Amino acid sequence: MTNNSLAFCFLTRGSHNQEKLWLNFLKQAPPNSYNIYCHNKNAFKDSDNFLSKHEIPNKIPTEWGCISLVRATLLLFKEALKNPNNKFFLLVSESCIPLWNFNFIKDRIFEYDNNLIYESENWKPNSGDWNDTHRWQKINHHIKNPRDFKKSSQWLCLDRNTVEFILENDETEHFMNVWAVDEHYFLTMVNKHRMNFLRYPFTFSDWSRQVNQNVAENSHPKEFNSLNKTDVVKCNNSFFMRKISSSCKIEEEVQSFILSRRD
């Protein structure tokens, strides 16, 4: 069997915020070109939600910023790996929406043929910044060189070989006390074991309001309660964007624009 499917791995609190757009996006997909897996924190309120029939059998309680998010992701990957047709594993959330039509995203991912991870440019664990240094101090017993302790967006795309390796070489016990470990584990593993990756803004998040990193609310990107074409276009080459709220009404014109985008 040829590996030619995308595995959409949804790590969610519950139902998806923008089910209609996703259903229309998936309608564009050729037969057998994708599979869906969902690890939901809370029970689905609506059994008709499109993610409910894709709920994986093995789940764990999760907490923001903790190792449970990494382990829940690994459970998603483990379930998706059972299908030999899955070539690339895409981690998305209930607030993520696609920014291009299905075939464009799939074709580009297969064209890149690489792990797509958005590495943080300004991450310096030994810079003297309290937050960065504190994270580093919790892992320096295992990762000896601070340059090898990486930070990236949690939302990424991994190829099958990388997922297989990471599942076979579970090092999560060493990352137990690292804060926001979901921003560190996967890229640190890829880097430590000398696997290739392309620095790519896989999922767009708007951090423009993050003026002062010591302000608690700046720990989260902007939440979109409305969306227009300009918002979509400014995401540049990202395949997805977040955080789109459940109350965000995406007009038909904007949905049509997204679903027709190819370049």
C-alpha atoms as a PDB file:
ATOM      1  CA  MET A   1       0.000   0.000   0.000  1.00  0.00           C
ATOM      2  CA  THR A   2       1.282   3.478  -0.891  1.00  0.00           C
ATOM      3  CA  ASN A   3       1.676   6.064   1.871  1.00  0.00           C
ATOM      4  CA  ASN A   4      -0.418   8.853   0.385  1.00  0.00           C
ATOM      5  CA  SER A   5      -2.793  10.010   3.128  1.00  0.00           C
ATOM      6  CA  LEU A   6      -2.751  12.896   5.569  1.00  0.00           C
ATOM      7  CA  ALA A   7      -3.544  12.045   9.181  1.00  0.00           C
ATOM      8  CA  PHE A   8      -5.360  14.977  10.791  1.00  0.00           C
ATOM      9  CA  CYS A   9      -4.684  14.600  14.516  1.00  0.00           C
ATOM     10  CA  PHE A  10      -7.061  16.835  16.456  1.00  0.00           C
ATOM     11  CA  LEU A  11      -6.008  17.666  20.009  1.00  0.00           C
ATOM     12  CA  THR A  12      -9.103  19.398  21.358  1.00  0.00           C
ATOM     13  CA  ARG A  13     -11.016  20.461  24.419  1.00  0.00           C
ATOM     14  CA  GLY A  14     -14.229  19.198  22.830  1.00  0.00           C
ATOM     15  CA  SER A  15     -16.125  19.812  19.609  1.00  0.00           C
ATOM     16  CA  HIS A  16     -14.611  21.850  16.799  1.00  0.00           C
ATOM     17  CA  ASN A  17     -15.315  25.572  16.739  1.00  0.00           C
ATOM     18  CA  GLN A  18     -15.773  25.732  12.964  1.00  0.00           C
ATOM     19  CA  GLU A  19     -17.249  22.439  11.857  1.00  0.00           C
ATOM     20  CA  LYS A  20     -18.917  23.781   8.696  1.00  0.00           C
ATOM     21  CA  LEU A  21     -15.696  25.073   7.175  1.00  0.00           C
ATOM     22  CA  TRP A  22     -13.884  21.824   7.934  1.00  0.00           C
ATOM     23  CA  LEU A  23     -16.625  19.708   6.410  1.00  0.00           C
ATOM     24  CA  ASN A  24     -16.549  21.784   3.230  1.00  0.00           C
ATOM     25  CA  PHE A  25     -12.753  21.574   3.197  1.00  0.00           C
ATOM     26  CA  LEU A  26     -12.813  17.785   3.507  1.00  0.00           C
ATOM     27  CA  LYS A  27     -15.418  17.475   0.746  1.00  0.00           C
ATOM     28  CA  GLN A  28     -12.677  18.627  -1.623  1.00  0.00           C
ATOM     29  CA  ALA A  29     -10.483  15.657  -0.754  1.00  0.00           C
ATOM     30  CA  PRO A  30     -10.021  12.773  -3.196  1.00  0.00           C
ATOM     31  CA  PRO A  31     -10.991   9.317  -1.888  1.00  0.00           C
ATOM     32  CA  ASN A  32      -8.616   7.779   0.668  1.00  0.00           C
ATOM     33  CA  SER A  33      -6.497  10.923   0.902  1.00  0.00           C
ATOM     34  CA  TYR A  34      -6.974  11.639   4.604  1.00  0.00           C
ATOM     35  CA  ASN A  35      -7.884  10.142   7.969  1.00  0.00           C
ATOM     36  CA  ILE A  36      -9.038  11.866  11.154  1.00  0.00           C
ATOM     37  CA  TYR A  37      -8.149  11.153  14.791  1.00  0.00           C
ATOM     38  CA  CYS A  38      -9.313  13.104  17.825  1.00  0.00           C
ATOM     39  CA  HIS A  39      -8.136  13.260  21.433  1.00  0.00           C
ATOM     40  CA  ASN A  40     -10.787  15.374  23.180  1.00  0.00           C
ATOM     41  CA  LYS A  41     -10.354  16.610  26.738  1.00  0.00           C
ATOM     42  CA  ASN A  42     -14.091  16.937  27.394  1.00  0.00           C
ATOM     43  CA  ALA A  43     -16.959  14.751  26.258  1.00  0.00           C
ATOM     44  CA  PHE A  44     -18.663  15.814  23.043  1.00  0.00           C
ATOM     45  CA  LYS A  45     -21.945  17.615  23.713  1.00  0.00           C
ATOM     46  CA  ASP A  46     -23.256  16.740  20.275  1.00  0.00           C
ATOM     47  CA  SER A  47     -22.841  13.198  18.984  1.00  0.00           C
ATOM     48  CA  ASP A  48     -23.315  14.547  15.453  1.00  0.00           C
ATOM     49  CA  ASN A  49     -20.149  16.637  15.703  1.00  0.00           C
ATOM     50  CA  PHE A  50     -17.865  15.573  12.879  1.00  0.00           C
ATOM     51  CA  LEU A  51     -15.053  14.708  15.306  1.00  0.00           C
ATOM     52  CA  SER A  52     -17.116  12.443  17.547  1.00  0.00           C
ATOM     53  CA  LYS A  53     -16.784   9.381  15.315  1.00  0.00           C
ATOM     54  CA  HIS A  54     -13.020   9.865  15.186  1.00  0.00           C
ATOM     55  CA  GLU A  55     -12.418   9.838  18.945  1.00  0.00           C
ATOM     56  CA  ILE A  56      -9.451   7.603  19.724  1.00  0.00           C
ATOM     57  CA  PRO A  57      -9.997   4.791  22.273  1.00  0.00           C
ATOM     58  CA  ASN A  58      -7.058   5.640  24.541  1.00  0.00           C
ATOM     59  CA  LYS A  59      -7.073   9.086  26.115  1.00  0.00           C
ATOM     60  CA  ILE A  60      -5.609  10.778  29.174  1.00  0.00           C
ATOM     61  CA  PRO A  61      -6.551  13.877  31.203  1.00  0.00           C
ATOM     62  CA  THR A  62      -4.670  16.916  29.910  1.00  0.00           C
ATOM     63  CA  GLU A  63      -3.556  20.215  31.414  1.00  0.00           C
ATOM     64  CA  TRP A  64      -2.346  23.346  29.672  1.00  0.00           C
ATOM     65  CA  GLY A  65       1.446  23.623  29.505  1.00  0.00           C
ATOM     66  CA  CYS A  66       2.056  20.140  30.943  1.00  0.00           C
ATOM     67  CA  ILE A  67       3.571  16.886  29.697  1.00  0.00           C
ATOM     68  CA  SER A  68       0.061  15.440  29.364  1.00  0.00           C
ATOM     69  CA  LEU A  69      -0.360  17.448  26.143  1.00  0.00           C
ATOM     70  CA  VAL A  70       2.705  15.776  24.652  1.00  0.00           C
ATOM     71  CA  ARG A  71       1.558  12.338  25.755  1.00  0.00           C
ATOM     72  CA  ALA A  72      -1.941  12.937  24.373  1.00  0.00           C
ATOM     73  CA  THR A  73      -0.311  13.901  21.060  1.00  0.00           C
ATOM     74  CA  LEU A  74       1.706  10.698  21.129  1.00  0.00           C
ATOM     75  CA  LEU A  75      -1.509   8.734  21.643  1.00  0.00           C
ATOM     76  CA  LEU A  76      -2.955  10.413  18.568  1.00  0.00           C
ATOM     77  CA  PHE A  77       0.150   9.555  16.563  1.00  0.00           C
ATOM     78  CA  LYS A  78       0.129   5.983  17.836  1.00  0.00           C
ATOM     79  CA  GLU A  79      -3.450   5.489  16.685  1.00  0.00           C
ATOM     80  CA  ALA A  80      -2.820   7.147  13.325  1.00  0.00           C
ATOM     81  CA  LEU A  81       0.303   5.065  12.764  1.00  0.00           C
ATOM     82  CA  LYS A  82      -1.833   1.919  12.691  1.00  0.00           C
ATOM     83  CA  ASN A  83      -2.973   2.902   9.218  1.00  0.00           C
ATOM     84  CA  PRO A  84      -0.042   2.189   6.871  1.00  0.00           C
ATOM     85  CA  ASN A  85      -1.443   4.637   4.338  1.00  0.00           C
ATOM     86  CA  ASN A  86      -0.797   7.672   6.568  1.00  0.00           C
ATOM     87  CA  LYS A  87       2.326   9.442   5.350  1.00  0.00           C
ATOM     88  CA  PHE A  88       2.145  12.788   7.175  1.00  0.00           C
ATOM     89  CA  PHE A  89       0.733  13.513  10.632  1.00  0.00           C
ATOM     90  CA  LEU A  90      -0.773  16.977  11.136  1.00  0.00           C
ATOM     91  CA  LEU A  91      -1.433  18.251  14.653  1.00  0.00           C
ATOM     92  CA  VAL A  92      -4.382  20.669  14.785  1.00  0.00           C
ATOM     93  CA  SER A  93      -6.838  21.906  17.414  1.00  0.00           C
ATOM     94  CA  GLU A  94     -10.507  22.802  17.769  1.00  0.00           C
ATOM     95  CA  SER A  95      -9.662  26.436  16.988  1.00  0.00           C
ATOM     96  CA  CYS A  96      -7.655  25.740  13.806  1.00  0.00           C
ATOM     97  CA  ILE A  97      -9.062  26.319  10.339  1.00  0.00           C
ATOM     98  CA  PRO A  98      -7.527  25.610   6.917  1.00  0.00           C
ATOM     99  CA  LEU A  99      -6.398  28.585   4.838  1.00  0.00           C
ATOM    100  CA  TRP A 100      -6.239  26.888   1.433  1.00  0.00           C
ATOM    101  CA  ASN A 101      -8.181  24.238  -0.386  1.00  0.00           C
ATOM    102  CA  PHE A 102      -7.487  20.617   0.469  1.00  0.00           C
ATOM    103  CA  ASN A 103      -5.533  19.641  -2.628  1.00  0.00           C
ATOM    104  CA  PHE A 104      -3.224  22.632  -2.374  1.00  0.00           C
ATOM    105  CA  ILE A 105      -2.299  21.794   1.225  1.00  0.00           C
ATOM    106  CA  LYS A 106      -1.832  18.102   0.497  1.00  0.00           C
ATOM    107  CA  ASP A 107       0.220  18.727  -2.640  1.00  0.00           C
ATOM    108  CA  ARG A 108       2.499  21.189  -0.865  1.00  0.00           C
ATOM    109  CA  ILE A 109       3.096  18.884   2.098  1.00  0.00           C
ATOM    110  CA  PHE A 110       4.023  16.019  -0.201  1.00  0.00           C
ATOM    111  CA  GLU A 111       6.170  18.356  -2.284  1.00  0.00           C
ATOM    112  CA  TYR A 112       8.139  19.490   0.775  1.00  0.00           C
ATOM    113  CA  ASP A 113       8.416  15.850   1.917  1.00  0.00           C
ATOM    114  CA  ASN A 114       9.789  16.899   5.287  1.00  0.00           C
ATOM    115  CA  ASN A 115       8.889  17.580   8.886  1.00  0.00           C
ATOM    116  CA  LEU A 116       7.314  21.043   9.046  1.00  0.00           C
ATOM    117  CA  ILE A 117       8.067  22.738  12.355  1.00  0.00           C
ATOM    118  CA  TYR A 118       8.104  26.452  13.102  1.00  0.00           C
ATOM    119  CA  GLU A 119      11.191  26.923  15.259  1.00  0.00           C
ATOM    120  CA  SER A 120      11.218  30.000  17.496  1.00  0.00           C
ATOM    121  CA  GLU A 121      13.821  32.450  16.240  1.00  0.00           C
ATOM    122  CA  ASN A 122      14.522  34.326  19.461  1.00  0.00           C
ATOM    123  CA  TRP A 123      14.632  31.367  21.829  1.00  0.00           C
ATOM    124  CA  LYS A 124      17.807  31.513  23.968  1.00  0.00           C
ATOM    125  CA  PRO A 125      17.518  29.272  27.033  1.00  0.00           C
ATOM    126  CA  ASN A 126      20.698  30.663  28.605  1.00  0.00           C
ATOM    127  CA  SER A 127      19.958  34.311  27.832  1.00  0.00           C
ATOM    128  CA  GLY A 128      19.315  35.262  31.455  1.00  0.00           C
ATOM    129  CA  ASP A 129      15.577  35.740  30.922  1.00  0.00           C
ATOM    130  CA  TRP A 130      13.890  34.138  33.954  1.00  0.00           C
ATOM    131  CA  ASN A 131      11.225  32.277  32.007  1.00  0.00           C
ATOM    132  CA  ASP A 132      13.654  30.850  29.445  1.00  0.00           C
ATOM    133  CA  THR A 133      16.282  29.961  32.032  1.00  0.00           C
ATOM    134  CA  HIS A 134      13.704  28.308  34.292  1.00  0.00           C
ATOM    135  CA  ARG A 135      12.575  26.023  31.465  1.00  0.00           C
ATOM    136  CA  TRP A 136      16.171  25.127  30.659  1.00  0.00           C
ATOM    137  CA  GLN A 137      17.021  24.315  34.268  1.00  0.00           C
ATOM    138  CA  LYS A 138      14.277  21.676  34.306  1.00  0.00           C
ATOM    139  CA  ILE A 139      15.822  19.698  31.446  1.00  0.00           C
ATOM    140  CA  ASN A 140      19.588  20.279  31.651  1.00  0.00           C
ATOM    141  CA  HIS A 141      20.030  16.940  33.403  1.00  0.00           C
ATOM    142  CA  HIS A 142      19.028  15.302  30.108  1.00  0.00           C
ATOM    143  CA  ILE A 143      19.850  17.859  27.412  1.00  0.00           C
ATOM    144  CA  LYS A 144      23.352  18.965  28.356  1.00  0.00           C
ATOM    145  CA  ASN A 145      23.871  21.768  25.838  1.00  0.00           C
ATOM    146  CA  PRO A 146      21.368  24.643  25.950  1.00  0.00           C
ATOM    147  CA  ARG A 147      21.695  25.021  22.181  1.00  0.00           C
ATOM    148  CA  ASP A 148      20.111  21.567  21.837  1.00  0.00           C
ATOM    149  CA  PHE A 149      17.023  22.528  23.844  1.00  0.00           C
ATOM    150  CA  LYS A 150      14.687  23.832  21.157  1.00  0.00           C
ATOM    151  CA  LYS A 151      11.407  25.730  21.124  1.00  0.00           C
ATOM    152  CA  SER A 152       8.750  25.764  18.426  1.00  0.00           C
ATOM    153  CA  SER A 153       5.058  26.046  17.747  1.00  0.00           C
ATOM    154  CA  GLN A 154       3.128  23.084  19.139  1.00  0.00           C
ATOM    155  CA  TRP A 155       1.202  22.762  15.863  1.00  0.00           C
ATOM    156  CA  LEU A 156       3.274  20.889  13.320  1.00  0.00           C
ATOM    157  CA  CYS A 157       3.478  18.228  10.632  1.00  0.00           C
ATOM    158  CA  LEU A 158       5.676  15.145  11.018  1.00  0.00           C
ATOM    159  CA  ASP A 159       6.442  12.437   8.496  1.00  0.00           C
ATOM    160  CA  ARG A 160       5.864   8.758   9.160  1.00  0.00           C
ATOM    161  CA  ASN A 161       9.495   7.841   9.864  1.00  0.00           C
ATOM    162  CA  THR A 162       9.799  10.597  12.455  1.00  0.00           C
ATOM    163  CA  VAL A 163       6.573   9.604  14.196  1.00  0.00           C
ATOM    164  CA  GLU A 164       7.685   5.969  14.324  1.00  0.00           C
ATOM    165  CA  PHE A 165      11.041   6.942  15.837  1.00  0.00           C
ATOM    166  CA  ILE A 166       9.553   9.297  18.442  1.00  0.00           C
ATOM    167  CA  LEU A 167       7.036   6.677  19.542  1.00  0.00           C
ATOM    168  CA  GLU A 168       9.737   4.025  19.816  1.00  0.00           C
ATOM    169  CA  ASN A 169      12.028   6.357  21.786  1.00  0.00           C
ATOM    170  CA  ASP A 170       9.803   7.947  24.407  1.00  0.00           C
ATOM    171  CA  GLU A 171      11.768  10.478  26.471  1.00  0.00           C
ATOM    172  CA  THR A 172       8.810  12.261  28.042  1.00  0.00           C
ATOM    173  CA  GLU A 173       9.836  11.263  31.575  1.00  0.00           C
ATOM    174  CA  HIS A 174      12.827  13.611  31.303  1.00  0.00           C
ATOM    175  CA  PHE A 175      10.582  16.535  30.302  1.00  0.00           C
ATOM    176  CA  MET A 176       8.073  16.130  33.139  1.00  0.00           C
ATOM    177  CA  ASN A 177       8.879  19.415  34.874  1.00  0.00           C
ATOM    178  CA  VAL A 178       9.426  21.636  31.842  1.00  0.00           C
ATOM    179  CA  TRP A 179       6.806  24.372  31.612  1.00  0.00           C
ATOM    180  CA  ALA A 180       5.012  24.630  28.245  1.00  0.00           C
ATOM    181  CA  VAL A 181       6.729  21.390  27.289  1.00  0.00           C
ATOM    182  CA  ASP A 182       4.506  21.060  24.212  1.00  0.00           C
ATOM    183  CA  GLU A 183       6.576  23.924  22.765  1.00  0.00           C
ATOM    184  CA  HIS A 184       9.801  21.997  23.290  1.00  0.00           C
ATOM    185  CA  TYR A 185       9.477  18.235  23.133  1.00  0.00           C
ATOM    186  CA  PHE A 186       9.078  17.439  19.458  1.00  0.00           C
ATOM    187  CA  LEU A 187      11.643  19.819  17.987  1.00  0.00           C
ATOM    188  CA  THR A 188      14.136  18.959  20.733  1.00  0.00           C
ATOM    189  CA  MET A 189      13.701  15.272  19.876  1.00  0.00           C
ATOM    190  CA  VAL A 190      14.060  15.950  16.152  1.00  0.00           C
ATOM    191  CA  ASN A 191      17.190  17.993  16.784  1.00  0.00           C
ATOM    192  CA  LYS A 192      18.721  15.603  19.324  1.00  0.00           C
ATOM    193  CA  HIS A 193      18.384  12.622  17.026  1.00  0.00           C
ATOM    194  CA  ARG A 194      19.514  14.543  13.936  1.00  0.00           C
ATOM    195  CA  MET A 195      16.303  14.226  11.977  1.00  0.00           C
ATOM    196  CA  ASN A 196      15.595  16.689   9.201  1.00  0.00           C
ATOM    197  CA  PHE A 197      12.977  19.402   9.375  1.00  0.00           C
ATOM    198  CA  LEU A 198      11.938  22.474   7.448  1.00  0.00           C
ATOM    199  CA  ARG A 199      11.355  25.637   9.464  1.00  0.00           C
ATOM    200  CA  TYR A 200       7.869  26.399   8.246  1.00  0.00           C
ATOM    201  CA  PRO A 201       4.972  28.453   9.713  1.00  0.00           C
ATOM    202  CA  PHE A 202       2.590  25.503   9.544  1.00  0.00           C
ATOM    203  CA  THR A 203      -0.139  27.173  11.632  1.00  0.00           C
ATOM    204  CA  PHE A 204      -0.475  30.941  11.949  1.00  0.00           C
ATOM    205  CA  SER A 205      -0.982  32.503  15.376  1.00  0.00           C
ATOM    206  CA  ASP A 206      -1.322  36.257  15.867  1.00  0.00           C
ATOM    207  CA  TRP A 207       1.051  37.308  18.639  1.00  0.00           C
ATOM    208  CA  SER A 208       0.981  40.993  17.663  1.00  0.00           C
ATOM    209  CA  ARG A 209      -0.509  42.013  21.011  1.00  0.00           C
ATOM    210  CA  GLN A 210       2.406  40.428  22.893  1.00  0.00           C
ATOM    211  CA  VAL A 211       4.118  43.602  23.988  1.00  0.00           C
ATOM    212  CA  ASN A 212       5.127  42.569  27.486  1.00  0.00           C
ATOM    213  CA  GLN A 213       5.869  38.890  28.061  1.00  0.00           C
ATOM    214  CA  ASN A 214       5.287  39.330  31.785  1.00  0.00           C
ATOM    215  CA  VAL A 215       1.618  40.144  31.235  1.00  0.00           C
ATOM    216  CA  ALA A 216      -0.407  36.976  31.763  1.00  0.00           C
ATOM    217  CA  GLU A 217      -2.843  37.547  28.921  1.00  0.00           C
ATOM    218  CA  ASN A 218       0.047  37.754  26.471  1.00  0.00           C
ATOM    219  CA  SER A 219       0.719  34.069  27.068  1.00  0.00           C
ATOM    220  CA  HIS A 220      -1.952  33.377  24.458  1.00  0.00           C
ATOM    221  CA  PRO A 221      -2.296  34.536  20.846  1.00  0.00           C
ATOM    222  CA  LYS A 222      -5.184  36.688  19.675  1.00  0.00           C
ATOM    223  CA  GLU A 223      -8.566  34.992  19.493  1.00  0.00           C
ATOM    224  CA  PHE A 224     -10.533  35.786  16.343  1.00  0.00           C
ATOM    225  CA  ASN A 225     -14.216  36.553  16.844  1.00  0.00           C
ATOM    226  CA  SER A 226     -14.559  37.754  13.254  1.00  0.00           C
ATOM    227  CA  LEU A 227     -12.636  36.905  10.115  1.00  0.00           C
ATOM    228  CA  ASN A 228     -12.211  38.593   6.753  1.00  0.00           C
ATOM    229  CA  LYS A 229     -10.108  38.064   3.637  1.00  0.00           C
ATOM    230  CA  THR A 230      -7.374  40.348   4.932  1.00  0.00           C
ATOM    231  CA  ASP A 231      -6.988  38.208   8.050  1.00  0.00           C
ATOM    232  CA  VAL A 232      -6.584  35.148   5.837  1.00  0.00           C
ATOM    233  CA  VAL A 233      -4.101  36.706   3.421  1.00  0.00           C
ATOM    234  CA  LYS A 234      -1.837  38.078   6.162  1.00  0.00           C
ATOM    235  CA  CYS A 235      -1.145  34.509   7.280  1.00  0.00           C
ATOM    236  CA  ASN A 236       1.166  34.284   4.251  1.00  0.00           C
ATOM    237  CA  ASN A 237       2.215  30.682   3.565  1.00  0.00           C
ATOM    238  CA  SER A 238       0.717  29.032   6.642  1.00  0.00           C
ATOM    239  CA  PHE A 239      -1.598  26.119   5.924  1.00  0.00           C
ATOM    240  CA  PHE A 240      -3.808  26.727   8.979  1.00  0.00           C
ATOM    241  CA  MET A 241      -4.572  29.503  11.444  1.00  0.00           C
ATOM    242  CA  ARG A 242      -5.786  29.731  15.030  1.00  0.00           C
ATOM    243  CA  LYS A 243      -7.424  30.755  17.374  1.00  0.00           C
ATOM    244  CA  ILE A 244     -10.818  30.980  15.710  1.00  0.00           C
ATOM    245  CA  SER A 245     -13.560  31.130  18.337  1.00  0.00           C
ATOM    246  CA  SER A 246     -16.818  29.186  18.217  1.00  0.00           C
ATOM    247  CA  SER A 247     -18.679  32.504  18.041  1.00  0.00           C
ATOM    248  CA  CYS A 248     -16.724  33.622  14.988  1.00  0.00           C
ATOM    249  CA  LYS A 249     -19.110  33.825  12.041  1.00  0.00           C
ATOM    250  CA  ILE A 250     -17.172  33.170   8.847  1.00  0.00           C
ATOM    251  CA  GLU A 251     -19.175  34.664   5.997  1.00  0.00           C
ATOM    252  CA  GLU A 252     -19.827  32.557   2.900  1.00  0.00           C
ATOM    253  CA  GLU A 253     -17.658  34.900   0.859  1.00  0.00           C
ATOM    254  CA  VAL A 254     -14.678  34.285   3.125  1.00  0.00           C
ATOM    255  CA  GLN A 255     -15.268  30.522   3.203  1.00  0.00           C
ATOM    256  CA  SER A 256     -15.430  30.445  -0.588  1.00  0.00           C
ATOM    257  CA  PHE A 257     -12.241  32.460  -0.767  1.00  0.00           C
ATOM    258  CA  ILE A 258     -10.422  30.008   1.512  1.00  0.00           C
ATOM    259  CA  LEU A 259     -11.689  26.911  -0.245  1.00  0.00           C
ATOM    260  CA  SER A 260     -10.685  28.211  -3.661  1.00  0.00           C
ATOM    261  CA  ARG A 261      -7.173  29.341  -2.709  1.00  0.00           C
ATOM    262  CA  ARG A 262      -4.378  27.528  -4.513  1.00  0.00           C
ATOM    263  CA  ASP A 263      -1.512  30.038  -4.683  1.00  0.00           C
END
